[in-house]
Every structure is written in C-alpha cells, then in structure tokens.
C-alpha cells in the first residue's frame, strides 16, 4: 500500500508539471532573436568607437612627445658654458612655399666647450625643426631653414602634419614666451586628427 501511495503521489506530481506551450516557445525565440540582432548591430559600432578612441590617444601621445622634444630644445636655446658663443640662438622662419613661422633653428652649447659649433662641424650645436610638404623634419648642424638633408621626424605614411607654428608672445629671443602648435592626422584616417598647443618659456635669456 505504501509503495502504491508513493507511486500514485509521484505520478500526480509529475502530471502537474507542464512544458512550454508553442506560443511561449515562439515568444522566447522572437525575444532571443531581437537580442541577438541588436547585439550584432551594436558590436561593430562599439568596436569602431573603441578603435577611434585608441587611435586618437595614440596620435595625441605621439604629438605630445614631439612637442616635448622641441620644447626642451627651445628651453636650452642660448645656453653657453663661457662667453664665446657667437651667433643667433633662436630663429623662427619658414621654408619657401610653406606657412610663416613654421621653422625653428636653435643653438646651445651641448658639449659645454664655451662656444657654439657651426654648421660644418660634426658636433654642431645648431638644431633645426621645420614643416615641409606636410611632414615635420629635423636636422642637426643647420643655421637656416632652407636646404636638403633634413630627416622626417614622423613617418608621412602614418602621420600628416597639417600645421607646425611657432609664435613669439613676448620677444623673439631666448627667454621669451613662444607658442608652439602642432596639428596632425592619420594618413589613412584623416577624420582622426589632434592639435597640440604649448606655451614655452625659454630658459636662457
């Protein structure tokens, strides 16, 4: 009797358990499909936004590092260990055909020998930065913005430099305030661009 009661109660309990009805299954499938479709549409957008943010950050860091290097040279301009440093310590100009104030020439006593080695010296104390054909170029041993032999500071296949400007805010001499602006964009993604602006105070008046 006990066994029969147990089997009867188990049978009655299982009889009360019901599966999903067809409308419920269809509703669940519809909701699941909507969720999957929404995720499929949203994921590429989120992925693209993440890539854009990463490339903006990378370009920003690249320009800030470049600006910091130029800033260090501006701050050193005019330094001389002795009294025999002859020449112009800081000069702003431009290459023919380029925007005004897009070239910088600085001189400082790098080897601390009391004078500035000229353009023909292998350890010249003159350093130049210039904008030319949407590229930022650098060269050691130059006393003017023209000429050949300059090296590209940033790879033009990766970065296009649209602006490189140096504006004296107080006096065009070492020790004065200079506004430095660098604006660039990715070559293959022009929509991603950054602009860096810095106010630099020369160290050696």
N, C-alpha and C. Protein backbone atom coordinates (compact mmCIF):
# COMPACT_ATOMS: atom_id res chain seq x y z
N UNK A 1 0.82 -1.20 0.00
CA UNK A 1 0.00 0.00 0.00
C UNK A 1 0.86 1.26 0.00
N UNK A 2 1.90 1.24 0.83
CA UNK A 2 2.77 2.40 0.86
C UNK A 2 3.43 2.65 -0.49
N UNK A 3 3.87 1.55 -1.15
CA UNK A 3 4.51 1.68 -2.45
C UNK A 3 3.54 2.24 -3.47
N UNK A 4 2.30 1.77 -3.41
CA UNK A 4 1.29 2.25 -4.36
C UNK A 4 0.98 3.71 -4.10
N UNK A 5 0.92 4.11 -2.80
CA UNK A 5 0.68 5.51 -2.49
C UNK A 5 1.82 6.40 -3.01
N UNK A 6 3.04 5.90 -2.85
CA UNK A 6 4.20 6.68 -3.29
C UNK A 6 4.18 6.87 -4.80
N UNK A 7 3.88 5.72 -5.52
CA UNK A 7 3.84 5.82 -6.98
C UNK A 7 2.70 6.71 -7.43
N UNK A 8 1.57 6.67 -6.72
CA UNK A 8 0.43 7.48 -7.10
C UNK A 8 0.73 8.97 -6.88
N UNK A 9 1.39 9.29 -5.72
CA UNK A 9 1.71 10.68 -5.46
C UNK A 9 2.76 11.21 -6.44
N UNK A 10 3.73 10.36 -6.79
CA UNK A 10 4.75 10.77 -7.75
C UNK A 10 4.15 11.01 -9.11
N UNK A 11 3.18 10.13 -9.48
CA UNK A 11 2.51 10.28 -10.78
C UNK A 11 1.68 11.55 -10.83
N UNK A 12 1.00 11.81 -9.73
CA UNK A 12 0.17 13.02 -9.70
C UNK A 12 1.03 14.29 -9.73
N UNK A 13 2.23 14.26 -9.07
CA UNK A 13 3.11 15.43 -9.09
C UNK A 13 3.66 15.68 -10.48
N UNK A 14 4.07 14.59 -11.15
CA UNK A 14 4.62 14.75 -12.49
C UNK A 14 3.54 15.19 -13.48
N UNK A 15 2.33 14.81 -13.18
CA UNK A 15 1.24 15.19 -14.07
C UNK A 15 0.98 16.68 -14.04
N UNK A 16 1.32 17.29 -12.86
CA UNK A 16 1.10 18.74 -12.76
C UNK A 16 2.18 19.54 -13.46
N UNK A 17 3.36 18.93 -13.75
CA UNK A 17 4.43 19.63 -14.46
C UNK A 17 4.10 19.77 -15.92
N UNK A 18 4.23 20.97 -16.45
CA UNK A 18 3.90 21.23 -17.84
C UNK A 18 5.10 21.80 -18.58
N UNK A 19 5.29 21.50 -19.83
CA UNK A 19 6.31 22.11 -20.66
C UNK A 19 5.82 23.45 -21.21
N UNK A 20 6.68 24.11 -22.02
CA UNK A 20 6.29 25.36 -22.65
C UNK A 20 5.30 25.09 -23.77
N UNK A 21 4.35 25.96 -23.86
CA UNK A 21 3.41 25.87 -24.97
C UNK A 21 4.06 26.45 -26.21
N UNK A 22 3.48 26.18 -27.37
CA UNK A 22 4.04 26.67 -28.62
C UNK A 22 4.10 28.20 -28.69
N UNK A 23 3.06 28.92 -28.25
CA UNK A 23 3.17 30.39 -28.24
C UNK A 23 4.30 30.90 -27.35
N UNK A 24 4.51 30.22 -26.20
CA UNK A 24 5.58 30.64 -25.31
C UNK A 24 6.95 30.41 -25.96
N UNK A 25 7.10 29.28 -26.63
CA UNK A 25 8.36 28.99 -27.33
C UNK A 25 8.61 30.00 -28.43
N UNK A 26 7.56 30.32 -29.19
CA UNK A 26 7.71 31.29 -30.27
C UNK A 26 8.07 32.67 -29.72
N UNK A 27 7.45 33.04 -28.60
CA UNK A 27 7.75 34.33 -27.99
C UNK A 27 9.20 34.38 -27.51
N UNK A 28 9.66 33.30 -26.89
CA UNK A 28 11.05 33.26 -26.42
C UNK A 28 12.03 33.34 -27.58
N UNK A 29 11.71 32.63 -28.66
CA UNK A 29 12.58 32.68 -29.83
C UNK A 29 12.61 34.08 -30.44
N UNK A 30 11.46 34.75 -30.45
CA UNK A 30 11.40 36.11 -31.01
C UNK A 30 12.23 37.08 -30.18
N UNK A 31 12.08 36.98 -28.85
CA UNK A 31 12.85 37.87 -27.97
C UNK A 31 14.34 37.60 -28.11
N UNK A 32 14.72 36.32 -28.14
CA UNK A 32 16.13 35.97 -28.30
C UNK A 32 16.69 36.46 -29.62
N UNK A 33 15.89 36.36 -30.68
CA UNK A 33 16.35 36.83 -31.99
C UNK A 33 16.55 38.34 -31.99
N UNK A 34 15.63 39.06 -31.32
CA UNK A 34 15.76 40.51 -31.24
C UNK A 34 17.02 40.91 -30.48
N UNK A 35 17.30 40.19 -29.38
CA UNK A 35 18.51 40.48 -28.60
C UNK A 35 19.77 40.22 -29.42
N UNK A 36 19.81 39.08 -30.11
CA UNK A 36 20.97 38.75 -30.93
C UNK A 36 21.15 39.73 -32.08
N UNK A 37 20.03 40.15 -32.70
CA UNK A 37 20.13 41.10 -33.80
C UNK A 37 20.63 42.46 -33.31
N UNK A 38 20.13 42.87 -32.15
CA UNK A 38 20.58 44.14 -31.57
C UNK A 38 22.07 44.09 -31.23
N UNK A 39 22.51 42.97 -30.66
CA UNK A 39 23.93 42.82 -30.32
C UNK A 39 24.79 42.81 -31.57
N UNK A 40 24.30 42.15 -32.62
CA UNK A 40 25.06 42.08 -33.87
C UNK A 40 25.22 43.46 -34.50
N UNK A 41 24.22 44.33 -34.34
CA UNK A 41 24.31 45.68 -34.89
C UNK A 41 25.16 46.60 -34.01
N UNK A 42 25.10 46.38 -32.71
CA UNK A 42 25.80 47.27 -31.78
C UNK A 42 27.28 46.97 -31.69
N UNK A 43 27.67 45.72 -31.78
CA UNK A 43 29.08 45.33 -31.59
C UNK A 43 30.02 46.01 -32.57
N UNK A 44 29.74 46.01 -33.89
CA UNK A 44 30.66 46.71 -34.80
C UNK A 44 30.79 48.20 -34.48
N UNK A 45 29.69 48.84 -34.06
CA UNK A 45 29.75 50.25 -33.72
C UNK A 45 30.62 50.49 -32.50
N UNK A 46 30.44 49.65 -31.48
CA UNK A 46 31.27 49.78 -30.27
C UNK A 46 32.73 49.49 -30.58
N UNK A 47 32.96 48.52 -31.44
CA UNK A 47 34.34 48.17 -31.82
C UNK A 47 35.00 49.33 -32.57
N UNK A 48 34.23 49.97 -33.48
CA UNK A 48 34.77 51.10 -34.23
C UNK A 48 35.06 52.28 -33.31
N UNK A 49 34.15 52.55 -32.37
CA UNK A 49 34.36 53.63 -31.42
C UNK A 49 35.59 53.38 -30.56
N UNK A 50 35.78 52.12 -30.16
CA UNK A 50 36.95 51.78 -29.36
C UNK A 50 38.24 51.98 -30.15
N UNK A 51 38.23 51.58 -31.43
CA UNK A 51 39.41 51.79 -32.27
C UNK A 51 39.69 53.27 -32.47
N UNK A 52 38.64 54.06 -32.68
CA UNK A 52 38.82 55.51 -32.86
C UNK A 52 39.44 56.14 -31.62
N UNK A 53 38.94 55.77 -30.46
CA UNK A 53 39.49 56.31 -29.21
C UNK A 53 40.96 55.92 -29.04
N UNK A 54 41.28 54.67 -29.38
CA UNK A 54 42.67 54.21 -29.28
C UNK A 54 43.59 54.97 -30.22
N UNK A 55 43.13 55.20 -31.45
CA UNK A 55 43.97 55.92 -32.41
C UNK A 55 44.09 57.40 -32.06
N UNK A 56 43.04 57.99 -31.51
CA UNK A 56 43.15 59.38 -31.05
C UNK A 56 44.14 59.50 -29.91
N UNK A 57 44.08 58.56 -28.99
CA UNK A 57 45.01 58.57 -27.86
C UNK A 57 46.44 58.39 -28.34
N UNK A 58 46.65 57.47 -29.28
CA UNK A 58 48.00 57.22 -29.79
C UNK A 58 48.55 58.44 -30.52
N UNK A 59 47.71 59.08 -31.34
CA UNK A 59 48.15 60.28 -32.06
C UNK A 59 48.44 61.41 -31.08
N UNK A 60 47.60 61.54 -30.06
CA UNK A 60 47.81 62.58 -29.05
C UNK A 60 49.15 62.38 -28.34
N UNK A 61 49.44 61.13 -27.96
CA UNK A 61 50.71 60.85 -27.29
C UNK A 61 51.90 61.11 -28.20
N UNK A 62 51.76 60.76 -29.46
CA UNK A 62 52.85 60.97 -30.42
C UNK A 62 53.16 62.46 -30.58
N UNK A 63 52.12 63.27 -30.69
CA UNK A 63 52.33 64.71 -30.85
C UNK A 63 52.86 65.34 -29.57
N UNK A 64 52.40 64.87 -28.43
CA UNK A 64 52.89 65.42 -27.16
C UNK A 64 54.38 65.10 -26.96
N UNK A 65 54.79 63.90 -27.33
CA UNK A 65 56.21 63.54 -27.23
C UNK A 65 57.05 64.41 -28.16
N UNK A 66 56.55 64.66 -29.37
CA UNK A 66 57.25 65.51 -30.32
C UNK A 66 57.35 66.94 -29.80
N UNK A 67 56.24 67.45 -29.28
CA UNK A 67 56.23 68.81 -28.73
C UNK A 67 57.17 68.94 -27.54
N UNK A 68 57.24 67.90 -26.72
CA UNK A 68 58.13 67.93 -25.56
C UNK A 68 59.59 67.98 -25.98
N UNK A 69 59.95 67.25 -27.03
CA UNK A 69 61.32 67.26 -27.53
C UNK A 69 61.69 68.66 -28.04
N UNK A 70 60.78 69.28 -28.80
CA UNK A 70 61.03 70.62 -29.32
C UNK A 70 61.09 71.63 -28.17
N UNK A 71 60.22 71.46 -27.20
CA UNK A 71 60.21 72.36 -26.04
C UNK A 71 61.54 72.32 -25.30
N UNK A 72 62.11 71.13 -25.15
CA UNK A 72 63.41 71.02 -24.46
C UNK A 72 64.49 71.80 -25.20
N UNK A 73 64.48 71.73 -26.53
CA UNK A 73 65.49 72.47 -27.30
C UNK A 73 65.27 73.98 -27.19
N UNK A 74 64.01 74.40 -27.17
CA UNK A 74 63.74 75.83 -27.01
C UNK A 74 64.23 76.33 -25.66
N UNK A 75 64.02 75.54 -24.63
CA UNK A 75 64.47 75.93 -23.30
C UNK A 75 66.00 75.97 -23.19
N UNK A 76 66.67 75.16 -24.00
CA UNK A 76 68.13 75.16 -23.97
C UNK A 76 68.74 76.26 -24.82
N UNK A 77 67.95 76.83 -25.71
CA UNK A 77 68.47 77.82 -26.66
C UNK A 77 69.17 78.97 -25.93
N UNK A 78 70.37 79.27 -26.37
CA UNK A 78 71.13 80.37 -25.79
C UNK A 78 72.10 79.97 -24.70
N UNK A 79 72.04 78.69 -24.29
CA UNK A 79 72.96 78.27 -23.23
C UNK A 79 74.40 78.27 -23.73
N UNK A 80 75.30 78.81 -22.91
CA UNK A 80 76.72 78.83 -23.24
C UNK A 80 77.52 78.67 -21.95
N UNK A 81 78.47 77.75 -21.97
CA UNK A 81 79.28 77.49 -20.79
C UNK A 81 80.24 78.65 -20.50
N UNK A 82 80.61 79.38 -21.56
CA UNK A 82 81.51 80.52 -21.40
C UNK A 82 80.93 81.77 -22.01
N UNK A 83 81.81 82.63 -22.50
CA UNK A 83 81.37 83.90 -23.08
C UNK A 83 81.69 84.01 -24.57
N UNK A 84 82.01 82.89 -25.20
CA UNK A 84 82.48 82.96 -26.59
C UNK A 84 81.47 82.36 -27.56
N UNK A 85 80.20 82.33 -27.21
CA UNK A 85 79.18 81.78 -28.09
C UNK A 85 78.64 82.88 -29.00
N UNK A 86 78.97 82.79 -30.27
CA UNK A 86 78.59 83.80 -31.24
C UNK A 86 77.54 83.23 -32.19
N UNK A 87 76.56 84.06 -32.51
CA UNK A 87 75.53 83.63 -33.44
C UNK A 87 74.14 83.88 -32.88
N UNK A 88 73.15 83.50 -33.67
CA UNK A 88 71.75 83.69 -33.27
C UNK A 88 71.27 82.43 -32.57
N UNK A 89 70.85 82.55 -31.32
CA UNK A 89 70.49 81.38 -30.52
C UNK A 89 69.12 80.82 -30.88
N UNK A 90 68.22 81.65 -31.34
CA UNK A 90 66.88 81.18 -31.67
C UNK A 90 66.35 81.98 -32.86
N UNK A 91 65.96 81.27 -33.89
CA UNK A 91 65.49 81.92 -35.11
C UNK A 91 64.25 81.20 -35.60
N UNK A 92 63.21 81.97 -35.94
CA UNK A 92 61.96 81.41 -36.45
C UNK A 92 61.77 81.91 -37.87
N UNK A 93 61.50 81.00 -38.79
CA UNK A 93 61.29 81.37 -40.18
C UNK A 93 60.40 80.36 -40.87
N UNK A 94 60.66 80.12 -42.14
CA UNK A 94 59.89 79.14 -42.88
C UNK A 94 60.61 78.76 -44.17
N UNK A 95 60.31 77.58 -44.64
CA UNK A 95 60.81 77.14 -45.93
C UNK A 95 60.00 77.84 -47.02
N UNK A 96 60.62 78.10 -48.15
CA UNK A 96 59.91 78.73 -49.27
C UNK A 96 58.69 77.91 -49.65
N UNK A 97 57.55 78.57 -49.69
CA UNK A 97 56.32 77.89 -50.06
C UNK A 97 55.52 77.36 -48.89
N UNK A 98 56.11 77.37 -47.69
CA UNK A 98 55.40 76.89 -46.51
C UNK A 98 54.87 78.07 -45.70
N UNK A 99 54.04 77.77 -44.72
CA UNK A 99 53.43 78.81 -43.89
C UNK A 99 54.49 79.54 -43.09
N UNK A 100 54.20 80.80 -42.78
CA UNK A 100 55.12 81.59 -41.96
C UNK A 100 55.26 80.98 -40.57
N UNK A 101 56.44 81.18 -39.97
CA UNK A 101 56.72 80.71 -38.61
C UNK A 101 56.58 79.19 -38.46
N UNK A 102 56.99 78.47 -39.50
CA UNK A 102 56.90 77.01 -39.46
C UNK A 102 58.27 76.34 -39.46
N UNK A 103 59.29 77.11 -39.08
CA UNK A 103 60.65 76.56 -38.98
C UNK A 103 61.34 77.17 -37.77
N UNK A 104 62.09 76.34 -37.07
CA UNK A 104 62.78 76.77 -35.86
C UNK A 104 64.24 76.34 -35.92
N UNK A 105 65.15 77.28 -35.65
CA UNK A 105 66.57 76.98 -35.53
C UNK A 105 67.01 77.44 -34.13
N UNK A 106 67.61 76.53 -33.37
CA UNK A 106 68.09 76.88 -32.03
C UNK A 106 69.56 76.49 -31.91
N UNK A 107 70.26 77.19 -31.04
CA UNK A 107 71.67 76.90 -30.77
C UNK A 107 71.90 76.91 -29.27
N UNK A 108 72.65 75.92 -28.78
CA UNK A 108 73.04 75.87 -27.38
C UNK A 108 74.31 75.03 -27.24
N UNK A 109 75.05 75.31 -26.23
CA UNK A 109 76.37 74.71 -26.02
C UNK A 109 76.21 73.29 -25.48
N UNK A 110 75.97 72.35 -26.39
CA UNK A 110 75.67 70.98 -25.98
C UNK A 110 76.87 70.31 -25.32
N UNK A 111 78.08 70.51 -25.87
CA UNK A 111 79.26 69.85 -25.30
C UNK A 111 79.98 70.71 -24.25
N UNK A 112 79.40 71.86 -23.93
CA UNK A 112 79.89 72.73 -22.86
C UNK A 112 81.37 73.13 -23.06
N UNK A 113 81.70 73.47 -24.29
CA UNK A 113 83.09 73.88 -24.55
C UNK A 113 83.23 75.40 -24.67
N UNK A 114 82.18 76.12 -24.39
CA UNK A 114 82.28 77.58 -24.35
C UNK A 114 81.97 78.29 -25.65
N UNK A 115 81.61 77.57 -26.71
CA UNK A 115 81.19 78.23 -27.94
C UNK A 115 80.30 77.29 -28.74
N UNK A 116 79.58 77.86 -29.69
CA UNK A 116 78.65 77.08 -30.50
C UNK A 116 79.34 76.62 -31.78
N UNK A 117 79.40 75.32 -31.95
CA UNK A 117 79.98 74.77 -33.18
C UNK A 117 79.04 75.04 -34.34
N UNK A 118 79.60 75.45 -35.47
CA UNK A 118 78.80 75.86 -36.62
C UNK A 118 78.24 74.70 -37.43
N UNK A 119 77.70 75.05 -38.59
CA UNK A 119 77.01 74.07 -39.43
C UNK A 119 77.94 73.03 -40.03
N UNK A 120 79.23 73.36 -40.21
CA UNK A 120 80.14 72.39 -40.81
C UNK A 120 80.79 71.45 -39.81
N UNK A 121 80.52 71.62 -38.55
CA UNK A 121 81.15 70.81 -37.52
C UNK A 121 80.37 69.51 -37.29
N UNK A 122 81.08 68.36 -37.10
CA UNK A 122 80.36 67.09 -36.88
C UNK A 122 79.55 67.07 -35.58
N UNK A 123 79.93 67.91 -34.61
CA UNK A 123 79.17 68.02 -33.37
C UNK A 123 78.59 69.43 -33.24
N UNK A 124 77.91 69.83 -34.28
CA UNK A 124 77.35 71.18 -34.32
C UNK A 124 76.36 71.40 -33.17
N UNK A 125 76.30 72.64 -32.69
CA UNK A 125 75.39 73.00 -31.61
C UNK A 125 74.12 73.67 -32.14
N UNK A 126 73.86 73.55 -33.43
CA UNK A 126 72.65 74.11 -34.03
C UNK A 126 71.69 72.97 -34.39
N UNK A 127 70.41 73.20 -34.09
CA UNK A 127 69.39 72.18 -34.32
C UNK A 127 68.17 72.84 -34.97
N UNK A 128 67.62 72.17 -35.98
CA UNK A 128 66.50 72.76 -36.71
C UNK A 128 65.29 71.84 -36.79
N UNK A 129 64.12 72.46 -36.78
CA UNK A 129 62.84 71.76 -36.99
C UNK A 129 62.06 72.58 -38.01
N UNK A 130 61.43 71.91 -38.97
CA UNK A 130 60.68 72.65 -39.97
C UNK A 130 59.52 71.82 -40.53
N UNK A 131 58.53 72.54 -41.02
CA UNK A 131 57.41 71.92 -41.73
C UNK A 131 57.68 72.01 -43.22
N UNK A 132 57.60 70.87 -43.88
CA UNK A 132 57.82 70.85 -45.34
C UNK A 132 57.00 69.73 -45.96
N UNK A 133 56.11 70.12 -46.86
CA UNK A 133 55.27 69.17 -47.60
C UNK A 133 54.52 68.23 -46.64
N UNK A 134 53.88 68.83 -45.65
CA UNK A 134 53.05 68.12 -44.67
C UNK A 134 53.83 67.07 -43.88
N UNK A 135 55.10 67.36 -43.66
CA UNK A 135 55.94 66.49 -42.84
C UNK A 135 56.78 67.37 -41.92
N UNK A 136 57.01 66.89 -40.72
CA UNK A 136 57.86 67.59 -39.76
C UNK A 136 59.26 67.02 -39.86
N UNK A 137 60.23 67.91 -40.17
CA UNK A 137 61.61 67.48 -40.42
C UNK A 137 62.55 68.05 -39.37
N UNK A 138 63.66 67.35 -39.17
CA UNK A 138 64.65 67.75 -38.18
C UNK A 138 66.04 67.55 -38.75
N UNK A 139 66.97 68.41 -38.34
CA UNK A 139 68.36 68.25 -38.75
C UNK A 139 69.28 68.96 -37.77
N UNK A 140 70.43 68.35 -37.55
CA UNK A 140 71.46 68.97 -36.72
C UNK A 140 72.49 69.64 -37.63
N UNK A 141 73.00 70.77 -37.19
CA UNK A 141 74.04 71.45 -37.94
C UNK A 141 73.52 72.38 -39.00
N UNK A 142 72.31 72.93 -38.84
CA UNK A 142 71.77 73.86 -39.81
C UNK A 142 71.59 75.23 -39.15
N UNK A 143 71.87 76.26 -39.91
CA UNK A 143 71.69 77.61 -39.40
C UNK A 143 70.61 78.37 -40.17
N UNK A 144 69.96 77.68 -41.13
CA UNK A 144 68.86 78.28 -41.87
C UNK A 144 67.83 77.21 -42.22
N UNK A 145 66.64 77.67 -42.58
CA UNK A 145 65.54 76.73 -42.82
C UNK A 145 65.61 76.06 -44.18
N UNK A 146 66.30 76.64 -45.14
CA UNK A 146 66.36 76.07 -46.48
C UNK A 146 67.39 74.92 -46.50
N UNK A 147 67.48 74.28 -47.63
CA UNK A 147 68.49 73.25 -47.82
C UNK A 147 67.94 71.84 -47.76
N UNK A 148 68.81 70.91 -48.10
CA UNK A 148 68.46 69.49 -48.13
C UNK A 148 69.10 68.76 -46.97
N UNK A 149 68.84 67.47 -46.92
CA UNK A 149 69.45 66.63 -45.89
C UNK A 149 68.65 66.53 -44.60
N UNK A 150 67.47 67.11 -44.58
CA UNK A 150 66.63 67.04 -43.38
C UNK A 150 65.99 65.66 -43.30
N UNK A 151 65.78 65.19 -42.08
CA UNK A 151 65.15 63.89 -41.86
C UNK A 151 63.74 64.09 -41.31
N UNK A 152 62.85 63.19 -41.70
CA UNK A 152 61.47 63.27 -41.25
C UNK A 152 61.36 62.76 -39.80
N UNK A 153 60.76 63.60 -38.98
CA UNK A 153 60.61 63.26 -37.57
C UNK A 153 59.47 62.28 -37.35
N UNK A 154 58.43 62.39 -38.17
CA UNK A 154 57.28 61.49 -38.13
C UNK A 154 57.10 60.86 -39.51
N UNK A 155 56.72 59.60 -39.55
CA UNK A 155 56.57 58.89 -40.81
C UNK A 155 55.36 59.43 -41.58
N UNK A 156 55.55 60.02 -42.77
CA UNK A 156 54.42 60.57 -43.53
C UNK A 156 53.41 59.51 -43.96
N UNK A 157 53.82 58.25 -44.01
CA UNK A 157 52.87 57.20 -44.36
C UNK A 157 51.91 56.92 -43.21
N UNK A 158 52.25 57.39 -42.03
CA UNK A 158 51.37 57.21 -40.87
C UNK A 158 50.71 58.53 -40.46
N UNK A 159 51.49 59.61 -40.45
CA UNK A 159 51.00 60.88 -39.93
C UNK A 159 51.23 62.00 -40.93
N UNK A 160 50.20 62.80 -41.16
CA UNK A 160 50.29 64.01 -41.96
C UNK A 160 50.26 65.21 -41.02
N UNK A 161 51.28 66.03 -41.06
CA UNK A 161 51.34 67.22 -40.22
C UNK A 161 50.77 68.39 -41.01
N UNK A 162 49.63 68.88 -40.60
CA UNK A 162 48.97 69.97 -41.33
C UNK A 162 49.38 71.34 -40.82
N UNK A 163 49.91 71.41 -39.61
CA UNK A 163 50.32 72.72 -39.06
C UNK A 163 51.45 72.53 -38.06
N UNK A 164 52.46 73.39 -38.19
CA UNK A 164 53.57 73.48 -37.23
C UNK A 164 53.93 74.95 -37.14
N UNK A 165 53.56 75.57 -36.03
CA UNK A 165 53.67 77.03 -35.92
C UNK A 165 54.34 77.41 -34.61
N UNK A 166 55.25 78.39 -34.71
CA UNK A 166 55.92 78.94 -33.53
C UNK A 166 55.74 80.45 -33.56
N UNK A 167 55.08 80.97 -32.53
CA UNK A 167 54.80 82.39 -32.48
C UNK A 167 55.40 83.00 -31.21
N UNK A 168 56.30 83.96 -31.34
CA UNK A 168 56.81 84.66 -30.16
C UNK A 168 55.70 85.48 -29.52
N UNK A 169 55.50 85.31 -28.21
CA UNK A 169 54.46 86.03 -27.50
C UNK A 169 54.99 87.25 -26.76
N UNK A 170 56.30 87.23 -26.45
CA UNK A 170 56.86 88.38 -25.74
C UNK A 170 58.03 88.97 -26.51
N UNK A 171 59.01 88.16 -26.80
CA UNK A 171 60.17 88.63 -27.56
C UNK A 171 60.77 87.44 -28.29
N UNK A 172 61.20 87.69 -29.51
CA UNK A 172 61.76 86.61 -30.33
C UNK A 172 63.23 86.38 -29.98
N UNK A 173 63.46 86.03 -28.75
CA UNK A 173 64.81 85.76 -28.29
C UNK A 173 64.74 84.72 -27.18
N UNK A 174 65.84 84.02 -26.87
CA UNK A 174 65.81 83.07 -25.77
C UNK A 174 65.34 83.75 -24.49
N UNK A 175 64.47 83.08 -23.76
CA UNK A 175 63.93 83.64 -22.54
C UNK A 175 62.54 84.19 -22.73
N UNK A 176 62.12 84.45 -23.97
CA UNK A 176 60.78 84.95 -24.23
C UNK A 176 59.78 83.81 -24.32
N UNK A 177 58.50 84.15 -24.25
CA UNK A 177 57.45 83.16 -24.38
C UNK A 177 57.20 82.84 -25.85
N UNK A 178 57.05 81.57 -26.15
CA UNK A 178 56.80 81.11 -27.51
C UNK A 178 55.61 80.16 -27.50
N UNK A 179 54.68 80.38 -28.41
CA UNK A 179 53.53 79.49 -28.57
C UNK A 179 53.86 78.45 -29.64
N UNK A 180 53.78 77.20 -29.26
CA UNK A 180 54.05 76.09 -30.18
C UNK A 180 52.76 75.36 -30.48
N UNK A 181 52.47 75.17 -31.77
CA UNK A 181 51.27 74.46 -32.20
C UNK A 181 51.65 73.38 -33.19
N UNK A 182 51.16 72.18 -32.95
CA UNK A 182 51.33 71.07 -33.89
C UNK A 182 49.96 70.45 -34.13
N UNK A 183 49.59 70.35 -35.39
CA UNK A 183 48.32 69.73 -35.75
C UNK A 183 48.59 68.65 -36.78
N UNK A 184 48.00 67.47 -36.55
CA UNK A 184 48.29 66.34 -37.45
C UNK A 184 47.10 65.40 -37.50
N UNK A 185 47.15 64.49 -38.47
CA UNK A 185 46.09 63.49 -38.63
C UNK A 185 46.71 62.21 -39.15
N UNK A 186 45.98 61.11 -38.96
CA UNK A 186 46.45 59.84 -39.51
C UNK A 186 46.31 59.89 -41.02
N UNK A 187 47.29 59.39 -41.73
CA UNK A 187 47.28 59.44 -43.19
C UNK A 187 46.12 58.65 -43.76
N UNK A 188 45.87 57.47 -43.21
CA UNK A 188 44.81 56.61 -43.75
C UNK A 188 43.45 56.90 -43.12
N UNK A 189 43.43 57.69 -42.07
CA UNK A 189 42.16 58.05 -41.43
C UNK A 189 42.17 59.53 -41.10
N UNK A 190 41.99 60.38 -42.11
CA UNK A 190 42.09 61.83 -41.90
C UNK A 190 41.10 62.37 -40.88
N UNK A 191 40.00 61.64 -40.67
CA UNK A 191 39.00 62.13 -39.72
C UNK A 191 39.54 62.16 -38.29
N UNK A 192 40.56 61.36 -38.03
CA UNK A 192 41.16 61.34 -36.69
C UNK A 192 42.35 62.30 -36.69
N UNK A 193 42.19 63.43 -36.07
CA UNK A 193 43.25 64.43 -36.03
C UNK A 193 43.33 65.02 -34.62
N UNK A 194 44.50 65.56 -34.31
CA UNK A 194 44.74 66.16 -33.00
C UNK A 194 45.50 67.47 -33.17
N UNK A 195 45.31 68.35 -32.21
CA UNK A 195 46.00 69.64 -32.20
C UNK A 195 46.61 69.85 -30.82
N UNK A 196 47.91 70.08 -30.78
CA UNK A 196 48.63 70.29 -29.53
C UNK A 196 49.11 71.73 -29.48
N UNK A 197 48.86 72.40 -28.38
CA UNK A 197 49.32 73.77 -28.18
C UNK A 197 50.06 73.87 -26.85
N UNK A 198 51.22 74.50 -26.88
CA UNK A 198 52.02 74.68 -25.66
C UNK A 198 52.60 76.09 -25.63
N UNK A 199 52.65 76.65 -24.44
CA UNK A 199 53.30 77.94 -24.22
C UNK A 199 54.64 77.65 -23.54
N UNK A 200 55.73 78.04 -24.20
CA UNK A 200 57.07 77.67 -23.73
C UNK A 200 57.82 78.92 -23.32
N UNK A 201 58.47 78.84 -22.18
CA UNK A 201 59.32 79.94 -21.71
C UNK A 201 60.76 79.51 -21.87
N UNK A 202 61.53 80.26 -22.66
CA UNK A 202 62.95 79.94 -22.84
C UNK A 202 63.71 80.01 -21.54
N UNK A 203 64.71 79.16 -21.39
CA UNK A 203 65.46 79.07 -20.13
C UNK A 203 66.61 80.05 -20.07
N UNK A 204 67.17 80.37 -21.22
CA UNK A 204 68.40 81.19 -21.23
C UNK A 204 68.16 82.54 -21.91
N UNK A 205 67.96 83.61 -21.15
CA UNK A 205 67.73 84.91 -21.75
C UNK A 205 68.99 85.46 -22.40
